[in-house]
Amino acid sequence: MNHDTICALATANGVGALGIIRVSGNKAFEIVNRCFEGKNLSKAESHTVHYGFIKDGDEQIDEVMVSVFKAPRTFTTENSVEISFHGSPHIAKKILEVLIKNGARMAKAGEFTMRAFMNGRIDLSQAEAIADVIASENEASRKVALNQLKGGISNEISELRGDLLNFTSLVELELDFAEEDVEFADRTAMKMLLDSLETKLSALIDSFQYGNAIKNGVDVAIIGKPNAGKSTLLNALLKEERAIVSDIAGTTRDTIEEILHIKGTAFRFIDTAGIRETTDEIEAIGVQKAKEKIATAKILLYLYDEFDSRPQEVIDFVKEFYREDLKIILLHNKIDINGSLENEFDQQLAETLVPVYTTTLLPISAKDQTGIEALKTELIHYVENLKQDESNVIITNQRHYEALQKSLESVTRVKSAISQSFHTELLAYELRYALEHLGEISGEFTNDEVLGNIFSKFCIGK
């Protein structure tokens, strides 16, 4: 364990009414006492606040309030001090300088949280949840991150590991008595457990699509022929003139991206160049970018109108870009001119596309903003349908997702080994492998490279 005393600015850089500097380590009270004119912090009660001045020798730097937190009842489990000062960047710099002069050192990115993890205050998934809480930009992501911070994933994984560990121990015991050819682990009971684990792991893995949507948002590509009304639709969704609108085809040459929060979920709308064959080099680059955005989008809004399109064109487009993980919404635009969906054009699309490609058809007028609320409702339904059940445990972290997949693969191999009566040593190997990957999530099995990568993404004061 590192015994250095660390310090860092815990509030955002810049001018504010107040700023907070955190200090943590065995010598936290001793170091702050050397520059604090006020109560002797070593004799103060834990979780108390004290008035005074931070000084550099005889010079007063600022009037402050100092909070005292004594080990082990602190975030890092170490002695900790928080200095509240007037929120000037210059004052913050001066206080940090005097703390370092008196024996502290600047904290590295995420080092406070790293110490909380290393000292057993939290596990690795909870540490990652702290970063997610800080980064949450909507209500849904905040709730999921807070549940993870409270141990939602940790508790679920701990239960799975506990069940698996019991059988693993018995299989390991069989290896010690290999010459006597005995079975301590009931293979029928083990298979029932593995079936249950497979179901639970699959459910957690399936929740990642929903978790990723609420944490990182949903990419929505707005596609169509030139002059189909894509930019007008983007402006209608955002309720501002974000994209240039013109009757001249090919106005949009590059992609325009804007984020809109709808009922707590972030949707990243991408207005693209109109898709058509063109000899214009710059427009051709825009068309290529549009196709690239389609490849990564989760939702595709395809605009068309019956005066400038044929049903077969729309059908061919859907067939070309369809993926199982892509939600396609066909938007019959310009109904202020063309009328409603009750026409032969859309009947043909409905009969051809909806049963096979599960597309949705909506009538809209981007110009008059007709049908925009219905479109927003459809987008929310997409996210809600990603949620498999009412479980509070939702996977939002790519690292957790990959570890769960590897664990599931091992569990599947163990089931296969049991059904084929493979040697106990192979069972033990696969069981250990499954346990190890589950342990990676909580940090019971990890390495310095993984830890360094995780905590390097934190801000310095956290």
Protein backbone atom coordinates (compact mmCIF):
# COMPACT_ATOMS: atom_id res chain seq x y z
CA MET A 1 0.00 0.00 0.00
CA ASN A 2 1.27 3.49 -0.84
CA HIS A 3 1.83 5.58 2.30
CA ASP A 4 2.27 8.90 0.48
CA THR A 5 -0.15 11.67 1.39
CA ILE A 6 -1.83 12.99 -1.74
CA CYS A 7 -3.70 16.20 -2.53
CA ALA A 8 -5.73 17.53 -5.46
CA LEU A 9 -8.42 19.96 -6.44
CA ALA A 10 -11.76 18.10 -6.14
CA THR A 11 -13.95 20.76 -7.77
CA ALA A 12 -13.94 21.83 -11.41
CA ASN A 13 -11.21 24.11 -12.69
CA GLY A 14 -12.21 27.74 -13.11
CA VAL A 15 -13.74 30.52 -11.03
CA GLY A 16 -16.52 29.61 -8.61
CA ALA A 17 -17.98 30.68 -5.29
CA LEU A 18 -16.13 27.85 -3.54
CA GLY A 19 -13.48 25.29 -4.32
CA ILE A 20 -12.48 22.12 -2.47
CA ILE A 21 -9.05 20.54 -2.15
CA ARG A 22 -8.82 16.96 -0.90
CA VAL A 23 -5.93 15.53 1.12
CA SER A 24 -5.61 11.82 1.95
CA GLY A 25 -2.95 9.73 3.64
CA ASN A 26 -1.38 8.81 6.98
CA LYS A 27 0.13 12.27 7.38
CA ALA A 28 -2.88 14.26 6.17
CA PHE A 29 -3.55 15.96 9.53
CA GLU A 30 0.13 16.59 10.19
CA ILE A 31 0.72 18.19 6.78
CA VAL A 32 -2.39 20.39 6.84
CA ASN A 33 -1.65 21.45 10.44
CA ARG A 34 1.66 22.92 9.26
CA CYS A 35 -0.15 25.43 7.08
CA PHE A 36 -3.51 25.79 8.87
CA GLU A 37 -4.05 28.56 11.41
CA GLY A 38 -6.92 27.20 13.47
CA LYS A 39 -7.72 24.08 15.48
CA ASN A 40 -5.17 21.28 15.80
CA LEU A 41 -6.69 18.80 13.35
CA SER A 42 -5.02 15.79 14.98
CA LYS A 43 -7.07 16.46 18.13
CA ALA A 44 -10.31 17.27 16.32
CA GLU A 45 -13.25 14.88 16.28
CA SER A 46 -13.85 12.99 13.04
CA HIS A 47 -16.41 14.43 10.64
CA THR A 48 -16.16 17.96 12.01
CA VAL A 49 -15.58 21.30 10.27
CA HIS A 50 -13.19 24.01 11.49
CA TYR A 51 -12.68 27.67 10.59
CA GLY A 52 -9.27 29.22 10.04
CA PHE A 53 -6.66 30.40 7.51
CA ILE A 54 -4.28 28.58 5.19
CA LYS A 55 -0.85 30.17 5.49
CA ASP A 56 2.46 30.00 3.67
CA GLY A 57 4.84 30.89 6.47
CA ASP A 58 3.57 34.22 7.81
CA GLU A 59 1.50 35.00 4.72
CA GLN A 60 -2.22 34.25 4.86
CA ILE A 61 -3.40 32.70 1.58
CA ASP A 62 -7.14 32.42 2.23
CA GLU A 63 -9.86 32.15 4.84
CA VAL A 64 -11.06 28.54 4.78
CA MET A 65 -13.24 25.86 6.33
CA VAL A 66 -11.45 22.54 6.95
CA SER A 67 -13.32 19.23 7.28
CA VAL A 68 -11.70 16.37 9.19
CA PHE A 69 -12.33 12.68 8.43
CA LYS A 70 -10.46 10.09 10.49
CA ALA A 71 -9.59 6.59 9.28
CA PRO A 72 -11.17 4.22 8.60
CA ARG A 73 -14.51 6.04 8.21
CA THR A 74 -13.46 7.88 5.05
CA PHE A 75 -13.77 7.39 1.30
CA THR A 76 -10.19 6.12 1.00
CA THR A 77 -10.21 4.56 4.52
CA GLU A 78 -7.21 6.85 5.23
CA ASN A 79 -7.05 10.05 7.27
CA SER A 80 -8.56 12.71 5.02
CA VAL A 81 -9.00 16.48 4.98
CA GLU A 82 -11.11 18.67 2.72
CA ILE A 83 -10.24 22.36 2.48
CA SER A 84 -13.06 24.67 1.31
CA PHE A 85 -11.70 27.96 -0.03
CA HIS A 86 -12.89 30.91 -2.08
CA GLY A 87 -13.09 29.58 -5.64
CA SER A 88 -10.19 31.36 -7.30
CA PRO A 89 -7.88 29.25 -9.51
CA HIS A 90 -4.95 31.29 -8.18
CA ILE A 91 -5.87 30.50 -4.56
CA ALA A 92 -6.26 26.81 -5.42
CA LYS A 93 -2.78 26.81 -6.98
CA LYS A 94 -1.26 28.55 -3.92
CA ILE A 95 -2.88 26.10 -1.45
CA LEU A 96 -1.71 23.07 -3.43
CA GLU A 97 1.80 24.50 -3.58
CA VAL A 98 1.95 24.98 0.19
CA LEU A 99 0.59 21.47 0.83
CA ILE A 100 3.26 19.98 -1.44
CA LYS A 101 5.91 22.14 0.26
CA ASN A 102 4.84 20.61 3.58
CA GLY A 103 5.06 16.97 2.49
CA ALA A 104 2.09 16.04 0.29
CA ARG A 105 2.27 15.21 -3.40
CA MET A 106 -0.18 15.78 -6.24
CA ALA A 107 -2.57 12.88 -6.75
CA LYS A 108 -2.62 10.99 -10.03
CA ALA A 109 -5.80 10.58 -12.07
CA GLY A 110 -8.30 8.53 -10.07
CA GLU A 111 -5.88 7.94 -7.22
CA PHE A 112 -8.38 8.67 -4.43
CA THR A 113 -10.78 6.09 -5.88
CA MET A 114 -7.89 3.70 -6.53
CA ARG A 115 -6.98 3.87 -2.83
CA ALA A 116 -10.61 3.22 -1.88
CA PHE A 117 -10.48 0.10 -4.07
CA MET A 118 -7.05 -1.09 -2.92
CA ASN A 119 -8.03 -0.57 0.72
CA GLY A 120 -11.20 -2.65 0.31
CA ARG A 121 -13.63 0.24 0.68
CA ILE A 122 -15.26 -0.52 -2.69
CA ASP A 123 -14.81 -3.14 -5.40
CA LEU A 124 -13.77 -2.44 -8.97
CA SER A 125 -17.26 -2.30 -10.43
CA GLN A 126 -18.25 0.26 -7.79
CA ALA A 127 -15.15 2.30 -8.60
CA GLU A 128 -16.19 2.36 -12.26
CA ALA A 129 -19.71 3.30 -11.20
CA ILE A 130 -18.32 6.42 -9.50
CA ALA A 131 -16.94 7.58 -12.86
CA ASP A 132 -20.30 6.75 -14.47
CA VAL A 133 -22.21 8.80 -11.87
CA ILE A 134 -19.95 11.77 -12.54
CA ALA A 135 -20.33 11.38 -16.31
CA SER A 136 -24.12 10.76 -16.28
CA GLU A 137 -25.92 13.19 -18.55
CA ASN A 138 -29.51 12.02 -18.12
CA GLU A 139 -31.82 10.59 -15.47
CA ALA A 140 -31.71 7.02 -16.75
CA SER A 141 -27.90 6.80 -16.75
CA ARG A 142 -27.75 8.42 -13.30
CA LYS A 143 -30.10 5.82 -11.81
CA VAL A 144 -28.24 2.87 -13.33
CA ALA A 145 -24.83 4.21 -12.25
CA LEU A 146 -26.09 4.87 -8.70
CA ASN A 147 -27.47 1.33 -8.47
CA GLN A 148 -24.07 -0.01 -9.51
CA LEU A 149 -22.35 2.23 -6.95
CA LYS A 150 -24.62 0.77 -4.26
CA GLY A 151 -23.40 -2.69 -5.24
CA GLY A 152 -26.10 -3.86 -7.66
CA ILE A 153 -23.72 -5.64 -10.04
CA SER A 154 -21.36 -6.66 -7.24
CA ASN A 155 -24.15 -8.44 -5.35
CA GLU A 156 -25.38 -10.22 -8.46
CA ILE A 157 -21.87 -11.38 -9.44
CA SER A 158 -21.05 -12.38 -5.86
CA GLU A 159 -24.11 -14.63 -5.77
CA LEU A 160 -23.21 -16.26 -9.09
CA ARG A 161 -19.60 -16.79 -8.00
CA GLY A 162 -20.66 -18.19 -4.65
CA ASP A 163 -22.83 -20.87 -6.26
CA LEU A 164 -20.11 -21.76 -8.74
CA LEU A 165 -17.36 -21.75 -6.13
CA ASN A 166 -19.07 -24.46 -4.06
CA PHE A 167 -19.02 -26.94 -6.94
CA THR A 168 -15.55 -25.88 -8.04
CA SER A 169 -14.22 -26.68 -4.58
CA LEU A 170 -15.76 -30.15 -4.73
CA VAL A 171 -14.33 -30.79 -8.20
CA GLU A 172 -10.91 -29.62 -6.99
CA LEU A 173 -11.26 -32.06 -4.09
CA GLU A 174 -11.88 -34.88 -6.56
CA LEU A 175 -8.49 -34.12 -8.12
CA ASP A 176 -6.84 -34.79 -4.75
CA PHE A 177 -8.47 -38.23 -4.72
CA ALA A 178 -8.02 -38.96 -8.41
CA GLU A 179 -6.57 -42.42 -7.82
CA GLU A 180 -9.64 -43.49 -5.86
CA ASP A 181 -12.04 -42.45 -8.65
CA VAL A 182 -14.63 -40.76 -6.42
CA GLU A 183 -17.11 -37.96 -7.20
CA PHE A 184 -17.80 -35.42 -4.49
CA ALA A 185 -19.69 -33.08 -6.82
CA ASP A 186 -23.08 -34.40 -7.88
CA ARG A 187 -23.05 -34.06 -11.69
CA THR A 188 -26.85 -33.80 -11.95
CA ALA A 189 -26.99 -31.01 -9.36
CA MET A 190 -24.03 -29.34 -11.05
CA LYS A 191 -25.78 -29.39 -14.42
CA MET A 192 -28.88 -27.78 -12.85
CA LEU A 193 -26.68 -25.07 -11.37
CA LEU A 194 -24.95 -24.50 -14.72
CA ASP A 195 -28.33 -24.21 -16.47
CA SER A 196 -29.32 -21.56 -13.93
CA LEU A 197 -25.98 -19.75 -14.33
CA GLU A 198 -26.34 -19.83 -18.10
CA THR A 199 -29.77 -18.20 -17.87
CA LYS A 200 -28.60 -15.50 -15.44
CA LEU A 201 -25.42 -14.73 -17.39
CA SER A 202 -27.36 -14.53 -20.64
CA ALA A 203 -29.83 -12.11 -19.06
CA LEU A 204 -27.01 -9.86 -17.85
CA ILE A 205 -25.33 -9.97 -21.27
CA ASP A 206 -28.63 -9.16 -23.00
CA SER A 207 -29.09 -6.13 -20.72
CA PHE A 208 -25.95 -4.54 -22.16
CA GLN A 209 -27.72 -3.29 -25.29
CA TYR A 210 -30.19 -1.39 -23.12
CA GLY A 211 -27.51 -0.28 -20.68
CA ASN A 212 -25.28 0.99 -23.45
CA ALA A 213 -28.18 2.96 -24.92
CA ILE A 214 -28.98 4.81 -21.70
CA LYS A 215 -25.31 5.37 -20.81
CA ASN A 216 -23.87 6.40 -24.17
CA GLY A 217 -26.98 7.37 -26.10
CA VAL A 218 -28.42 6.05 -29.35
CA ASP A 219 -27.04 6.92 -32.78
CA VAL A 220 -29.85 7.86 -35.18
CA ALA A 221 -28.94 8.37 -38.84
CA ILE A 222 -31.24 10.56 -40.94
CA ILE A 223 -31.07 9.24 -44.49
CA GLY A 224 -32.81 9.88 -47.79
CA LYS A 225 -32.43 11.17 -51.30
CA PRO A 226 -31.26 14.77 -51.81
CA ASN A 227 -33.95 17.31 -50.90
CA ALA A 228 -36.01 14.71 -49.03
CA GLY A 229 -36.23 17.02 -46.00
CA LYS A 230 -33.52 15.53 -43.78
CA SER A 231 -32.15 18.86 -42.55
CA THR A 232 -35.67 20.20 -42.05
CA LEU A 233 -36.41 17.15 -39.88
CA LEU A 234 -33.27 17.70 -37.79
CA ASN A 235 -34.27 21.32 -37.21
CA ALA A 236 -37.82 20.24 -36.28
CA LEU A 237 -36.50 17.73 -33.74
CA LEU A 238 -34.10 20.24 -32.20
CA LYS A 239 -36.57 23.13 -32.49
CA GLU A 240 -33.84 25.35 -33.88
CA GLU A 241 -32.26 26.14 -37.24
CA ARG A 242 -29.22 23.90 -36.83
CA ALA A 243 -28.92 22.66 -40.43
CA ILE A 244 -29.04 24.70 -43.64
CA VAL A 245 -32.31 24.14 -45.51
CA SER A 246 -32.54 24.81 -49.24
CA ASP A 247 -34.56 23.72 -52.27
CA ILE A 248 -31.24 23.02 -53.99
CA ALA A 249 -30.47 19.29 -53.91
CA GLY A 250 -27.16 18.32 -52.32
CA THR A 251 -26.97 21.20 -49.82
CA THR A 252 -25.67 18.93 -47.02
CA ARG A 253 -22.17 17.79 -47.97
CA ASP A 254 -20.95 16.60 -44.56
CA THR A 255 -22.60 15.01 -41.54
CA ILE A 256 -24.13 17.20 -38.84
CA GLU A 257 -24.49 15.65 -35.38
CA GLU A 258 -26.67 16.92 -32.53
CA ILE A 259 -27.80 15.32 -29.25
CA LEU A 260 -31.41 15.52 -28.10
CA HIS A 261 -32.58 14.11 -24.75
CA ILE A 262 -36.01 12.50 -24.92
CA LYS A 263 -37.47 11.28 -21.61
CA GLY A 264 -34.03 10.80 -20.08
CA THR A 265 -32.33 9.09 -23.04
CA ALA A 266 -29.78 10.78 -25.28
CA PHE A 267 -30.36 10.39 -29.01
CA ARG A 268 -27.49 11.43 -31.28
CA PHE A 269 -29.09 12.57 -34.53
CA ILE A 270 -26.85 12.53 -37.59
CA ASP A 271 -27.99 14.53 -40.62
CA THR A 272 -26.24 13.09 -43.67
CA ALA A 273 -25.74 13.96 -47.31
CA GLY A 274 -28.48 12.80 -49.67
CA ILE A 275 -27.72 9.38 -51.10
CA ARG A 276 -27.49 9.40 -54.89
CA GLU A 277 -25.01 8.82 -57.69
CA THR A 278 -23.00 12.01 -58.21
CA THR A 279 -19.99 13.24 -60.15
CA ASP A 280 -19.36 16.01 -57.61
CA GLU A 281 -16.24 14.88 -55.72
CA ILE A 282 -17.12 16.65 -52.47
CA GLU A 283 -20.73 15.47 -52.52
CA ALA A 284 -19.51 11.92 -53.22
CA ILE A 285 -17.42 12.06 -50.04
CA GLY A 286 -20.56 13.15 -48.16
CA VAL A 287 -22.51 10.21 -49.60
CA GLN A 288 -19.76 7.81 -48.50
CA LYS A 289 -19.83 9.29 -44.98
CA ALA A 290 -23.61 8.83 -44.93
CA LYS A 291 -23.19 5.13 -45.70
CA GLU A 292 -20.58 4.83 -42.94
CA LYS A 293 -23.00 6.36 -40.45
CA ILE A 294 -25.66 3.87 -41.48
CA ALA A 295 -23.22 1.05 -40.66
CA THR A 296 -22.80 2.24 -37.05
CA ALA A 297 -26.28 3.63 -36.34
CA LYS A 298 -28.80 1.83 -34.15
CA ILE A 299 -31.81 3.61 -35.66
CA LEU A 300 -32.25 4.65 -39.26
CA LEU A 301 -34.77 7.33 -40.25
CA TYR A 302 -35.36 7.06 -43.99
CA LEU A 303 -37.24 10.01 -45.50
CA TYR A 304 -39.06 9.78 -48.80
CA ASP A 305 -42.00 11.36 -50.62
CA GLU A 306 -44.09 9.89 -53.40
CA PHE A 307 -43.33 12.69 -55.91
CA ASP A 308 -39.57 12.06 -55.87
CA SER A 309 -39.41 8.34 -55.06
CA ARG A 310 -40.70 5.00 -56.24
CA PRO A 311 -41.69 2.19 -53.86
CA GLN A 312 -39.00 -0.06 -55.31
CA GLU A 313 -36.31 2.52 -54.51
CA VAL A 314 -37.29 2.48 -50.84
CA ILE A 315 -37.55 -1.31 -50.81
CA ASP A 316 -34.10 -1.71 -52.41
CA PHE A 317 -32.57 0.73 -49.91
CA VAL A 318 -33.96 -1.17 -46.91
CA LYS A 319 -32.78 -4.49 -48.34
CA GLU A 320 -29.27 -3.10 -48.92
CA PHE A 321 -28.71 -1.67 -45.43
CA TYR A 322 -30.88 -3.92 -43.25
CA ARG A 323 -29.26 -5.46 -40.17
CA GLU A 324 -30.90 -7.37 -37.35
CA ASP A 325 -29.64 -4.83 -34.82
CA LEU A 326 -30.82 -1.82 -36.88
CA LYS A 327 -34.23 -0.27 -36.28
CA ILE A 328 -35.53 1.21 -39.54
CA ILE A 329 -38.26 3.87 -39.43
CA LEU A 330 -39.66 4.90 -42.81
CA LEU A 331 -40.85 8.51 -42.76
CA HIS A 332 -43.34 9.48 -45.44
CA ASN A 333 -42.42 13.16 -45.50
CA LYS A 334 -44.22 16.18 -46.96
CA ILE A 335 -47.72 14.94 -46.10
CA ASP A 336 -48.71 18.60 -46.06
CA ILE A 337 -48.45 18.20 -49.84
CA ASN A 338 -48.91 14.48 -50.42
CA GLY A 339 -51.66 13.56 -47.98
CA SER A 340 -51.65 10.63 -45.53
CA LEU A 341 -50.38 7.06 -45.47
CA GLU A 342 -53.59 5.77 -46.98
CA ASN A 343 -52.26 5.37 -50.53
CA GLU A 344 -50.99 2.67 -52.84
CA PHE A 345 -47.34 3.75 -52.42
CA ASP A 346 -47.23 3.03 -48.69
CA GLN A 347 -49.47 -0.01 -48.89
CA GLN A 348 -46.86 -1.61 -51.14
CA LEU A 349 -44.09 -0.73 -48.67
CA ALA A 350 -46.10 -2.08 -45.76
CA GLU A 351 -46.84 -5.35 -47.51
CA THR A 352 -43.24 -5.84 -48.67
CA LEU A 353 -41.09 -4.50 -45.82
CA VAL A 354 -42.95 -4.60 -42.50
CA PRO A 355 -43.42 -8.40 -42.23
CA VAL A 356 -39.81 -9.23 -43.19
CA TYR A 357 -37.72 -6.27 -42.00
CA THR A 358 -39.89 -5.13 -39.04
CA THR A 359 -39.81 -1.56 -40.27
CA THR A 360 -42.14 1.15 -39.01
CA LEU A 361 -43.98 3.60 -41.30
CA LEU A 362 -44.87 7.06 -40.04
CA PRO A 363 -46.44 10.01 -41.90
CA ILE A 364 -44.77 13.34 -41.12
CA SER A 365 -44.33 16.84 -42.36
CA ALA A 366 -40.91 18.03 -41.26
CA LYS A 367 -41.79 21.49 -42.53
CA ASP A 368 -45.03 21.79 -40.51
CA GLN A 369 -43.66 19.60 -37.67
CA THR A 370 -46.57 17.20 -38.07
CA GLY A 371 -45.85 13.72 -36.69
CA ILE A 372 -42.70 14.79 -34.82
CA GLU A 373 -44.11 13.78 -31.41
CA ALA A 374 -45.17 10.40 -32.83
CA LEU A 375 -41.60 9.92 -34.07
CA LYS A 376 -40.19 10.75 -30.63
CA THR A 377 -42.57 8.22 -29.08
CA GLU A 378 -41.34 5.58 -31.53
CA LEU A 379 -37.72 6.34 -30.57
CA ILE A 380 -38.52 5.92 -26.86
CA HIS A 381 -40.31 2.64 -27.58
CA TYR A 382 -37.12 1.37 -29.24
CA VAL A 383 -35.10 1.96 -26.05
CA GLU A 384 -37.82 0.57 -23.77
CA ASN A 385 -38.04 -2.59 -25.87
CA LEU A 386 -34.31 -3.20 -25.35
CA LYS A 387 -34.93 -3.84 -21.68
CA GLN A 388 -35.41 -7.56 -21.25
CA ASP A 389 -37.05 -7.61 -17.82
CA GLU A 390 -37.59 -5.55 -14.69
CA SER A 391 -34.23 -6.45 -13.14
CA ASN A 392 -32.41 -3.56 -11.48
CA VAL A 393 -29.06 -4.97 -12.60
CA ILE A 394 -28.16 -3.56 -16.00
CA ILE A 395 -24.75 -3.92 -17.63
CA THR A 396 -23.43 -0.64 -19.02
CA ASN A 397 -19.68 -1.31 -18.99
CA GLN A 398 -17.93 -2.86 -22.00
CA ARG A 399 -15.36 -4.56 -19.73
CA HIS A 400 -18.10 -6.22 -17.68
CA TYR A 401 -19.89 -7.29 -20.85
CA GLU A 402 -16.79 -9.01 -22.24
CA ALA A 403 -16.04 -10.73 -18.90
CA LEU A 404 -19.61 -12.04 -18.71
CA GLN A 405 -19.38 -13.38 -22.27
CA LYS A 406 -16.19 -15.25 -21.45
CA SER A 407 -17.75 -16.64 -18.27
CA LEU A 408 -20.76 -17.84 -20.24
CA GLU A 409 -18.49 -19.53 -22.78
CA SER A 410 -16.73 -21.39 -19.94
CA VAL A 411 -20.02 -22.44 -18.34
CA THR A 412 -21.19 -23.77 -21.72
CA ARG A 413 -17.97 -25.75 -22.08
CA VAL A 414 -18.37 -27.20 -18.58
CA LYS A 415 -21.90 -28.37 -19.46
CA SER A 416 -20.55 -30.00 -22.59
CA ALA A 417 -17.74 -31.66 -20.63
CA ILE A 418 -20.24 -33.08 -18.10
CA SER A 419 -22.53 -34.45 -20.81
CA GLN A 420 -19.56 -36.14 -22.48
CA SER A 421 -18.11 -37.40 -19.16
CA PHE A 422 -14.81 -35.59 -19.66
CA HIS A 423 -12.01 -35.93 -17.14
CA THR A 424 -12.36 -34.07 -13.83
CA GLU A 425 -9.21 -32.04 -14.55
CA LEU A 426 -10.87 -30.43 -17.59
CA LEU A 427 -13.97 -29.63 -15.53
CA ALA A 428 -11.83 -27.98 -12.87
CA TYR A 429 -9.96 -25.94 -15.49
CA GLU A 430 -13.13 -24.56 -17.10
CA LEU A 431 -14.76 -23.87 -13.73
CA ARG A 432 -11.69 -21.92 -12.57
CA TYR A 433 -11.78 -19.99 -15.86
CA ALA A 434 -15.45 -19.03 -15.37
CA LEU A 435 -14.75 -17.95 -11.77
CA GLU A 436 -11.78 -15.87 -12.88
CA HIS A 437 -13.79 -13.92 -15.45
CA LEU A 438 -16.58 -13.25 -12.98
CA GLY A 439 -13.93 -12.08 -10.52
CA GLU A 440 -12.56 -9.64 -13.10
CA ILE A 441 -15.74 -7.58 -12.78
CA SER A 442 -15.37 -6.98 -9.04
CA GLY A 443 -11.58 -6.80 -9.20
CA GLU A 444 -10.85 -10.06 -7.36
CA PHE A 445 -8.87 -11.11 -10.42
CA THR A 446 -7.19 -8.31 -12.33
CA ASN A 447 -3.80 -6.89 -13.25
CA ASP A 448 -1.99 -3.58 -13.00
CA GLU A 449 -2.50 -2.80 -16.69
CA VAL A 450 -6.29 -3.10 -16.39
CA LEU A 451 -6.35 -1.03 -13.20
CA GLY A 452 -4.14 1.64 -14.76
CA ASN A 453 -6.43 1.87 -17.77
CA ILE A 454 -9.57 2.16 -15.64
CA PHE A 455 -8.35 4.80 -13.19
CA SER A 456 -6.49 6.87 -15.78
CA LYS A 457 -9.91 7.91 -17.11
CA PHE A 458 -10.87 9.55 -13.79
CA CYS A 459 -10.29 13.21 -13.10
CA ILE A 460 -7.32 14.09 -10.86
CA GLY A 461 -9.39 14.96 -7.77
CA LYS A 462 -11.32 11.69 -7.82
